[in-house]
Amino acid sequence: RNAKEAIAKYGVGSCGPRHFYGTVDVHLALEKQLADFLGCEEACYTIICKKGDVIFVDKGVNFAIQEGLKGSKSRIEWFNHNDINDLERLLMEQAERDRKFPKLASKTRRFMMVEGLYMNSGDLCPLPELMALKWKYKVRIFIDESLSIGVIGKTGRG
């Protein structure tokens, strides 16, 4: 009975980002519960990478992320798995491009894509070092927490 009521109210799924398909009350309730669990603000920032953006991606990300990136019109820059030096080399190259072409740089959004706990290797990302580079080079960071949420730390909060 509950399943039928839920399907009647919400359908069988929103099938994608709220930006395209909207947000329903259960999404907001889940966001609040997750924020409470993690001890952070209840907010969800949706970003769809577009043409002109650049995404710095760890070569160790899982197949789903790799496939998702294929549909992006963004420039993808791959760095060696968990290799902070290789990532910084790419970020420095981007910073140099930005200095040469400031008008283009003002329109270019920069992202990093990593996994908190890598599906393919079981490695943890070097989060403190990634955050240092994030701030140094003014890059937004996507961290796929699919496998790490609820697993890392005494309470599952990292």
N, C-alpha and C. Protein backbone atom coordinates (compact mmCIF):
# COMPACT_ATOMS: atom_id res chain seq x y z
N ARG A 1 0.82 -1.19 0.00
CA ARG A 1 0.00 0.00 0.00
C ARG A 1 0.87 1.26 0.00
N ASN A 2 1.90 1.31 0.87
CA ASN A 2 2.78 2.48 0.93
C ASN A 2 3.51 2.71 -0.39
N ALA A 3 3.94 1.62 -1.01
CA ALA A 3 4.64 1.74 -2.29
C ALA A 3 3.71 2.32 -3.35
N LYS A 4 2.47 1.86 -3.38
CA LYS A 4 1.50 2.39 -4.36
C LYS A 4 1.25 3.88 -4.14
N GLU A 5 1.13 4.27 -2.88
CA GLU A 5 0.91 5.69 -2.57
C GLU A 5 2.11 6.53 -2.99
N ALA A 6 3.31 6.02 -2.74
CA ALA A 6 4.52 6.76 -3.12
C ALA A 6 4.62 6.90 -4.64
N ILE A 7 4.32 5.83 -5.36
CA ILE A 7 4.36 5.89 -6.83
C ILE A 7 3.31 6.85 -7.35
N ALA A 8 2.12 6.82 -6.76
CA ALA A 8 1.06 7.75 -7.18
C ALA A 8 1.47 9.20 -6.94
N LYS A 9 2.18 9.45 -5.85
CA LYS A 9 2.57 10.82 -5.50
C LYS A 9 3.80 11.29 -6.27
N TYR A 10 4.83 10.42 -6.39
CA TYR A 10 6.12 10.85 -6.93
C TYR A 10 6.46 10.28 -8.30
N GLY A 11 5.75 9.28 -8.75
CA GLY A 11 6.15 8.58 -9.95
C GLY A 11 7.21 7.55 -9.60
N VAL A 12 7.88 7.03 -10.61
CA VAL A 12 8.86 5.98 -10.36
C VAL A 12 10.29 6.50 -10.21
N GLY A 13 10.49 7.78 -10.30
CA GLY A 13 11.82 8.35 -10.08
C GLY A 13 11.99 9.64 -10.84
N SER A 14 12.84 10.50 -10.32
CA SER A 14 13.07 11.78 -11.00
C SER A 14 14.09 11.63 -12.12
N CYS A 15 14.82 10.54 -12.13
CA CYS A 15 15.71 10.18 -13.24
C CYS A 15 16.86 11.14 -13.51
N GLY A 16 17.17 12.00 -12.59
CA GLY A 16 18.30 12.88 -12.86
C GLY A 16 18.35 14.09 -11.95
N PRO A 17 19.15 15.06 -12.34
CA PRO A 17 19.37 16.23 -11.49
C PRO A 17 18.13 17.10 -11.33
N ARG A 18 18.01 17.72 -10.18
CA ARG A 18 16.87 18.58 -9.90
C ARG A 18 16.76 19.71 -10.90
N HIS A 19 17.88 20.14 -11.43
CA HIS A 19 17.91 21.22 -12.40
C HIS A 19 17.00 20.90 -13.59
N PHE A 20 16.95 19.63 -13.98
CA PHE A 20 16.14 19.21 -15.11
C PHE A 20 14.77 18.70 -14.71
N TYR A 21 14.71 17.92 -13.63
CA TYR A 21 13.49 17.18 -13.32
C TYR A 21 12.79 17.64 -12.05
N GLY A 22 13.32 18.64 -11.40
CA GLY A 22 12.67 19.16 -10.21
C GLY A 22 13.10 18.44 -8.95
N THR A 23 12.65 19.00 -7.83
CA THR A 23 12.96 18.45 -6.51
C THR A 23 11.66 18.17 -5.80
N VAL A 24 11.60 17.06 -5.13
CA VAL A 24 10.40 16.73 -4.36
C VAL A 24 10.75 16.70 -2.88
N ASP A 25 9.72 16.72 -2.06
CA ASP A 25 9.91 16.84 -0.61
C ASP A 25 10.81 15.76 -0.02
N VAL A 26 10.76 14.55 -0.56
CA VAL A 26 11.61 13.49 -0.01
C VAL A 26 13.09 13.74 -0.30
N HIS A 27 13.40 14.40 -1.43
CA HIS A 27 14.79 14.78 -1.70
C HIS A 27 15.29 15.75 -0.64
N LEU A 28 14.46 16.75 -0.35
CA LEU A 28 14.85 17.76 0.65
C LEU A 28 14.99 17.14 2.03
N ALA A 29 14.08 16.21 2.37
CA ALA A 29 14.16 15.54 3.67
C ALA A 29 15.45 14.71 3.77
N LEU A 30 15.79 14.01 2.69
CA LEU A 30 17.03 13.22 2.68
C LEU A 30 18.25 14.13 2.81
N GLU A 31 18.26 15.25 2.08
CA GLU A 31 19.38 16.18 2.20
C GLU A 31 19.55 16.65 3.64
N LYS A 32 18.44 16.97 4.30
CA LYS A 32 18.50 17.43 5.69
C LYS A 32 19.04 16.32 6.60
N GLN A 33 18.55 15.10 6.41
CA GLN A 33 19.02 13.98 7.24
C GLN A 33 20.52 13.74 7.02
N LEU A 34 20.97 13.80 5.77
CA LEU A 34 22.39 13.61 5.49
C LEU A 34 23.22 14.74 6.09
N ALA A 35 22.74 15.97 5.96
CA ALA A 35 23.46 17.11 6.54
C ALA A 35 23.56 16.97 8.05
N ASP A 36 22.46 16.56 8.70
CA ASP A 36 22.48 16.35 10.15
C ASP A 36 23.48 15.26 10.52
N PHE A 37 23.47 14.15 9.76
CA PHE A 37 24.37 13.04 10.02
C PHE A 37 25.83 13.47 9.88
N LEU A 38 26.12 14.25 8.83
CA LEU A 38 27.49 14.66 8.55
C LEU A 38 27.92 15.90 9.32
N GLY A 39 26.96 16.57 9.97
CA GLY A 39 27.29 17.76 10.73
C GLY A 39 27.66 18.94 9.85
N CYS A 40 26.95 19.09 8.73
CA CYS A 40 27.23 20.21 7.83
C CYS A 40 25.92 20.91 7.46
N GLU A 41 26.02 21.97 6.67
CA GLU A 41 24.83 22.69 6.26
C GLU A 41 23.97 21.82 5.37
N GLU A 42 22.66 22.04 5.44
CA GLU A 42 21.77 21.30 4.56
C GLU A 42 21.62 22.07 3.27
N ALA A 43 22.49 21.77 2.36
CA ALA A 43 22.47 22.43 1.07
C ALA A 43 22.98 21.47 0.02
N CYS A 44 22.45 21.61 -1.15
CA CYS A 44 22.93 20.81 -2.27
C CYS A 44 23.24 21.77 -3.40
N TYR A 45 24.47 21.79 -3.84
CA TYR A 45 24.89 22.69 -4.90
C TYR A 45 25.01 21.87 -6.16
N THR A 46 24.12 22.12 -7.09
CA THR A 46 24.15 21.34 -8.33
C THR A 46 24.93 22.08 -9.40
N ILE A 47 25.83 21.39 -9.99
CA ILE A 47 26.64 21.99 -11.05
C ILE A 47 26.61 21.04 -12.23
N ILE A 48 26.36 21.59 -13.37
CA ILE A 48 26.47 20.79 -14.58
C ILE A 48 27.62 21.39 -15.37
N CYS A 49 28.65 20.60 -15.55
CA CYS A 49 29.82 21.08 -16.27
C CYS A 49 29.46 21.27 -17.73
N LYS A 50 29.99 22.32 -18.30
CA LYS A 50 29.60 22.68 -19.66
C LYS A 50 30.83 23.00 -20.49
N LYS A 51 30.57 23.29 -21.74
CA LYS A 51 31.63 23.67 -22.66
C LYS A 51 32.37 24.87 -22.08
N GLY A 52 33.69 24.82 -22.16
CA GLY A 52 34.50 25.91 -21.62
C GLY A 52 35.04 25.62 -20.23
N ASP A 53 34.43 24.66 -19.52
CA ASP A 53 34.92 24.28 -18.20
C ASP A 53 36.07 23.29 -18.36
N VAL A 54 36.85 23.13 -17.31
CA VAL A 54 37.91 22.12 -17.30
C VAL A 54 37.75 21.29 -16.03
N ILE A 55 37.86 19.97 -16.19
CA ILE A 55 37.72 19.04 -15.07
C ILE A 55 39.01 18.24 -14.95
N PHE A 56 39.64 18.32 -13.79
CA PHE A 56 40.86 17.56 -13.50
C PHE A 56 40.42 16.29 -12.79
N VAL A 57 40.63 15.14 -13.44
CA VAL A 57 40.06 13.88 -12.97
C VAL A 57 41.15 12.87 -12.65
N ASP A 58 41.02 12.24 -11.49
CA ASP A 58 41.92 11.15 -11.10
C ASP A 58 41.70 9.97 -12.05
N LYS A 59 42.78 9.41 -12.57
CA LYS A 59 42.68 8.27 -13.49
C LYS A 59 42.09 7.03 -12.82
N GLY A 60 42.00 7.04 -11.49
CA GLY A 60 41.48 5.88 -10.78
C GLY A 60 39.98 5.90 -10.55
N VAL A 61 39.26 6.92 -11.06
CA VAL A 61 37.82 6.98 -10.80
C VAL A 61 37.11 5.80 -11.46
N ASN A 62 35.95 5.46 -10.91
CA ASN A 62 35.22 4.29 -11.37
C ASN A 62 34.61 4.48 -12.76
N PHE A 63 34.16 3.38 -13.32
CA PHE A 63 33.63 3.33 -14.67
C PHE A 63 32.45 4.28 -14.86
N ALA A 64 31.57 4.38 -13.88
CA ALA A 64 30.39 5.24 -14.01
C ALA A 64 30.81 6.70 -14.18
N ILE A 65 31.80 7.14 -13.41
CA ILE A 65 32.28 8.52 -13.55
C ILE A 65 32.94 8.70 -14.91
N GLN A 66 33.75 7.74 -15.32
CA GLN A 66 34.41 7.83 -16.62
C GLN A 66 33.39 7.95 -17.74
N GLU A 67 32.35 7.13 -17.68
CA GLU A 67 31.30 7.17 -18.70
C GLU A 67 30.55 8.49 -18.65
N GLY A 68 30.26 8.98 -17.45
CA GLY A 68 29.57 10.25 -17.32
C GLY A 68 30.36 11.41 -17.91
N LEU A 69 31.67 11.36 -17.76
CA LEU A 69 32.52 12.41 -18.30
C LEU A 69 32.53 12.42 -19.82
N LYS A 70 32.27 11.27 -20.43
CA LYS A 70 32.25 11.20 -21.89
C LYS A 70 31.16 12.11 -22.46
N GLY A 71 30.09 12.29 -21.71
CA GLY A 71 28.99 13.14 -22.17
C GLY A 71 29.22 14.62 -21.92
N SER A 72 30.26 14.94 -21.19
CA SER A 72 30.55 16.33 -20.86
C SER A 72 31.20 17.02 -22.05
N LYS A 73 30.86 18.28 -22.24
CA LYS A 73 31.52 19.06 -23.28
C LYS A 73 32.72 19.81 -22.70
N SER A 74 33.00 19.54 -21.44
CA SER A 74 34.14 20.17 -20.77
C SER A 74 35.45 19.55 -21.24
N ARG A 75 36.54 20.28 -21.04
CA ARG A 75 37.86 19.71 -21.30
C ARG A 75 38.22 18.85 -20.09
N ILE A 76 38.62 17.62 -20.33
CA ILE A 76 38.98 16.69 -19.26
C ILE A 76 40.49 16.56 -19.23
N GLU A 77 41.06 16.78 -18.05
CA GLU A 77 42.50 16.61 -17.83
C GLU A 77 42.67 15.50 -16.80
N TRP A 78 43.29 14.40 -17.21
CA TRP A 78 43.48 13.24 -16.33
C TRP A 78 44.81 13.35 -15.59
N PHE A 79 44.79 13.09 -14.29
CA PHE A 79 46.04 13.03 -13.54
C PHE A 79 46.21 11.62 -12.97
N ASN A 80 47.46 11.23 -12.75
CA ASN A 80 47.76 9.89 -12.23
C ASN A 80 47.09 9.69 -10.88
N HIS A 81 46.67 8.46 -10.64
CA HIS A 81 45.89 8.13 -9.44
C HIS A 81 46.57 8.59 -8.16
N ASN A 82 45.84 9.42 -7.40
CA ASN A 82 46.29 9.94 -6.10
C ASN A 82 47.65 10.64 -6.16
N ASP A 83 48.02 11.12 -7.34
CA ASP A 83 49.33 11.77 -7.53
C ASP A 83 49.16 13.29 -7.45
N ILE A 84 49.38 13.83 -6.28
CA ILE A 84 49.21 15.26 -6.03
C ILE A 84 50.15 16.09 -6.90
N ASN A 85 51.37 15.60 -7.10
CA ASN A 85 52.33 16.34 -7.94
C ASN A 85 51.86 16.44 -9.38
N ASP A 86 51.31 15.34 -9.91
CA ASP A 86 50.81 15.35 -11.27
C ASP A 86 49.60 16.29 -11.39
N LEU A 87 48.72 16.25 -10.41
CA LEU A 87 47.58 17.16 -10.40
C LEU A 87 48.05 18.61 -10.35
N GLU A 88 49.01 18.90 -9.48
CA GLU A 88 49.48 20.29 -9.38
C GLU A 88 50.15 20.73 -10.68
N ARG A 89 50.83 19.84 -11.35
CA ARG A 89 51.43 20.18 -12.65
C ARG A 89 50.34 20.64 -13.61
N LEU A 90 49.23 19.90 -13.68
CA LEU A 90 48.12 20.28 -14.56
C LEU A 90 47.48 21.60 -14.13
N LEU A 91 47.34 21.79 -12.83
CA LEU A 91 46.76 23.04 -12.32
C LEU A 91 47.67 24.24 -12.64
N MET A 92 48.98 24.04 -12.55
CA MET A 92 49.92 25.12 -12.89
C MET A 92 49.84 25.44 -14.39
N GLU A 93 49.70 24.39 -15.22
CA GLU A 93 49.55 24.63 -16.67
C GLU A 93 48.28 25.43 -16.94
N GLN A 94 47.21 25.10 -16.23
CA GLN A 94 45.95 25.84 -16.40
C GLN A 94 46.12 27.28 -15.92
N ALA A 95 46.81 27.48 -14.82
CA ALA A 95 47.05 28.83 -14.30
C ALA A 95 47.84 29.66 -15.31
N GLU A 96 48.79 29.04 -15.98
CA GLU A 96 49.57 29.73 -17.01
C GLU A 96 48.67 30.11 -18.19
N ARG A 97 47.80 29.19 -18.62
CA ARG A 97 46.83 29.50 -19.69
C ARG A 97 45.95 30.68 -19.27
N ASP A 98 45.52 30.64 -18.01
CA ASP A 98 44.66 31.71 -17.50
C ASP A 98 45.37 33.07 -17.54
N ARG A 99 46.67 33.08 -17.24
CA ARG A 99 47.43 34.34 -17.28
C ARG A 99 47.56 34.85 -18.71
N LYS A 100 47.74 33.93 -19.66
CA LYS A 100 47.91 34.32 -21.06
C LYS A 100 46.59 34.81 -21.67
N PHE A 101 45.49 34.23 -21.21
CA PHE A 101 44.18 34.54 -21.80
C PHE A 101 43.18 34.91 -20.70
N PRO A 102 43.34 36.08 -20.08
CA PRO A 102 42.51 36.44 -18.93
C PRO A 102 41.02 36.53 -19.24
N LYS A 103 40.67 36.95 -20.44
CA LYS A 103 39.25 37.06 -20.79
C LYS A 103 38.60 35.67 -20.80
N LEU A 104 39.28 34.71 -21.41
CA LEU A 104 38.80 33.33 -21.43
C LEU A 104 38.79 32.75 -20.02
N ALA A 105 39.81 33.06 -19.24
CA ALA A 105 39.93 32.54 -17.87
C ALA A 105 38.75 32.98 -17.01
N SER A 106 38.25 34.18 -17.26
CA SER A 106 37.13 34.68 -16.45
C SER A 106 35.85 33.89 -16.68
N LYS A 107 35.79 33.16 -17.80
CA LYS A 107 34.61 32.35 -18.12
C LYS A 107 34.82 30.86 -17.84
N THR A 108 36.05 30.49 -17.53
CA THR A 108 36.39 29.07 -17.34
C THR A 108 36.18 28.67 -15.89
N ARG A 109 35.31 27.67 -15.70
CA ARG A 109 35.16 27.10 -14.35
C ARG A 109 36.08 25.89 -14.26
N ARG A 110 36.69 25.70 -13.10
CA ARG A 110 37.66 24.62 -12.89
C ARG A 110 37.17 23.69 -11.79
N PHE A 111 37.25 22.39 -12.06
CA PHE A 111 36.77 21.38 -11.13
C PHE A 111 37.81 20.28 -10.97
N MET A 112 37.80 19.64 -9.80
CA MET A 112 38.53 18.39 -9.57
C MET A 112 37.48 17.31 -9.37
N MET A 113 37.75 16.10 -9.83
CA MET A 113 36.85 14.97 -9.62
C MET A 113 37.65 13.81 -9.06
N VAL A 114 37.28 13.40 -7.84
CA VAL A 114 37.93 12.27 -7.17
C VAL A 114 36.87 11.44 -6.47
N GLU A 115 37.28 10.30 -5.96
CA GLU A 115 36.42 9.49 -5.10
C GLU A 115 37.00 9.55 -3.68
N GLY A 116 36.14 9.59 -2.69
CA GLY A 116 36.61 9.55 -1.31
C GLY A 116 37.30 8.23 -1.01
N LEU A 117 36.66 7.16 -1.42
CA LEU A 117 37.19 5.80 -1.31
C LEU A 117 37.04 5.18 -2.70
N TYR A 118 38.15 4.88 -3.33
CA TYR A 118 38.12 4.45 -4.72
C TYR A 118 37.60 3.03 -4.87
N MET A 119 36.60 2.88 -5.72
CA MET A 119 35.98 1.59 -5.98
C MET A 119 36.99 0.60 -6.57
N ASN A 120 37.82 1.07 -7.48
CA ASN A 120 38.71 0.18 -8.22
C ASN A 120 39.92 -0.29 -7.42
N SER A 121 40.33 0.47 -6.41
CA SER A 121 41.56 0.13 -5.70
C SER A 121 41.41 0.01 -4.19
N GLY A 122 40.35 0.60 -3.64
CA GLY A 122 40.19 0.64 -2.19
C GLY A 122 41.02 1.73 -1.54
N ASP A 123 41.70 2.55 -2.35
CA ASP A 123 42.52 3.65 -1.82
C ASP A 123 41.63 4.80 -1.36
N LEU A 124 42.07 5.51 -0.33
CA LEU A 124 41.44 6.76 0.07
C LEU A 124 42.08 7.90 -0.71
N CYS A 125 41.30 8.92 -1.01
CA CYS A 125 41.90 10.08 -1.67
C CYS A 125 42.73 10.85 -0.64
N PRO A 126 43.76 11.56 -1.09
CA PRO A 126 44.58 12.38 -0.18
C PRO A 126 43.88 13.72 0.08
N LEU A 127 42.82 13.68 0.85
CA LEU A 127 41.94 14.84 1.01
C LEU A 127 42.64 16.11 1.49
N PRO A 128 43.49 16.07 2.52
CA PRO A 128 44.13 17.33 2.95
C PRO A 128 44.93 18.00 1.82
N GLU A 129 45.64 17.20 1.05
CA GLU A 129 46.44 17.75 -0.05
C GLU A 129 45.54 18.28 -1.17
N LEU A 130 44.45 17.56 -1.46
CA LEU A 130 43.50 18.02 -2.47
C LEU A 130 42.88 19.36 -2.06
N MET A 131 42.52 19.47 -0.79
CA MET A 131 41.92 20.71 -0.31
C MET A 131 42.92 21.87 -0.39
N ALA A 132 44.18 21.60 -0.11
CA ALA A 132 45.20 22.65 -0.22
C ALA A 132 45.29 23.15 -1.67
N LEU A 133 45.26 22.22 -2.63
CA LEU A 133 45.31 22.62 -4.04
C LEU A 133 44.02 23.32 -4.46
N LYS A 134 42.91 22.86 -3.93
CA LYS A 134 41.62 23.49 -4.22
C LYS A 134 41.68 24.98 -3.89
N TRP A 135 42.15 25.30 -2.71
CA TRP A 135 42.23 26.70 -2.27
C TRP A 135 43.32 27.46 -3.03
N LYS A 136 44.44 26.83 -3.23
CA LYS A 136 45.56 27.50 -3.90
C LYS A 136 45.22 27.90 -5.33
N TYR A 137 44.52 27.01 -6.06
CA TYR A 137 44.23 27.25 -7.48
C TYR A 137 42.78 27.63 -7.74
N LYS A 138 42.00 27.82 -6.68
CA LYS A 138 40.60 28.24 -6.81
C LYS A 138 39.81 27.29 -7.71
N VAL A 139 39.83 26.02 -7.33
CA VAL A 139 39.16 24.96 -8.07
C VAL A 139 38.05 24.38 -7.20
N ARG A 140 36.90 24.12 -7.80
CA ARG A 140 35.83 23.42 -7.08
C ARG A 140 36.16 21.94 -7.10
N ILE A 141 35.68 21.23 -6.10
CA ILE A 141 36.01 19.80 -6.01
C ILE A 141 34.74 18.97 -5.90
N PHE A 142 34.67 17.93 -6.71
CA PHE A 142 33.63 16.91 -6.61
C PHE A 142 34.27 15.70 -5.94
N ILE A 143 33.67 15.22 -4.86
CA ILE A 143 34.16 14.01 -4.22
C ILE A 143 33.01 13.01 -4.22
N ASP A 144 33.16 11.94 -4.97
CA ASP A 144 32.15 10.89 -5.00
C ASP A 144 32.29 10.09 -3.70
N GLU A 145 31.29 10.17 -2.87
CA GLU A 145 31.30 9.50 -1.56
C GLU A 145 30.44 8.24 -1.56
N SER A 146 30.14 7.71 -2.73
CA SER A 146 29.26 6.54 -2.83
C SER A 146 29.70 5.39 -1.94
N LEU A 147 31.00 5.15 -1.86
CA LEU A 147 31.50 4.02 -1.08
C LEU A 147 32.00 4.41 0.31
N SER A 148 32.32 5.69 0.51
CA SER A 148 32.95 6.07 1.77
C SER A 148 31.98 6.56 2.83
N ILE A 149 30.83 7.07 2.44
CA ILE A 149 29.90 7.59 3.44
C ILE A 149 29.39 6.42 4.30
N GLY A 150 29.44 6.62 5.59
CA GLY A 150 29.01 5.57 6.51
C GLY A 150 30.07 4.52 6.81
N VAL A 151 31.24 4.63 6.19
CA VAL A 151 32.27 3.60 6.32
C VAL A 151 33.53 4.11 7.03
N ILE A 152 33.91 5.33 6.77
CA ILE A 152 35.16 5.88 7.28
C ILE A 152 34.93 6.58 8.62
N GLY A 153 35.79 6.34 9.57
CA GLY A 153 35.70 6.98 10.89
C GLY A 153 34.82 6.19 11.84
N LYS A 154 34.88 6.56 13.12
CA LYS A 154 34.13 5.84 14.16
C LYS A 154 32.63 5.91 13.95
N THR A 155 32.16 7.03 13.41
CA THR A 155 30.71 7.21 13.25
C THR A 155 30.27 7.20 11.79
N GLY A 156 31.19 6.91 10.88
CA GLY A 156 30.85 6.89 9.46
C GLY A 156 30.81 8.27 8.83
N ARG A 157 31.31 9.25 9.55
CA ARG A 157 31.27 10.63 9.05
C ARG A 157 32.64 11.09 8.53
N GLY A 158 33.56 10.16 8.38
CA GLY A 158 34.88 10.55 7.88
C GLY A 158 35.92 10.57 8.95
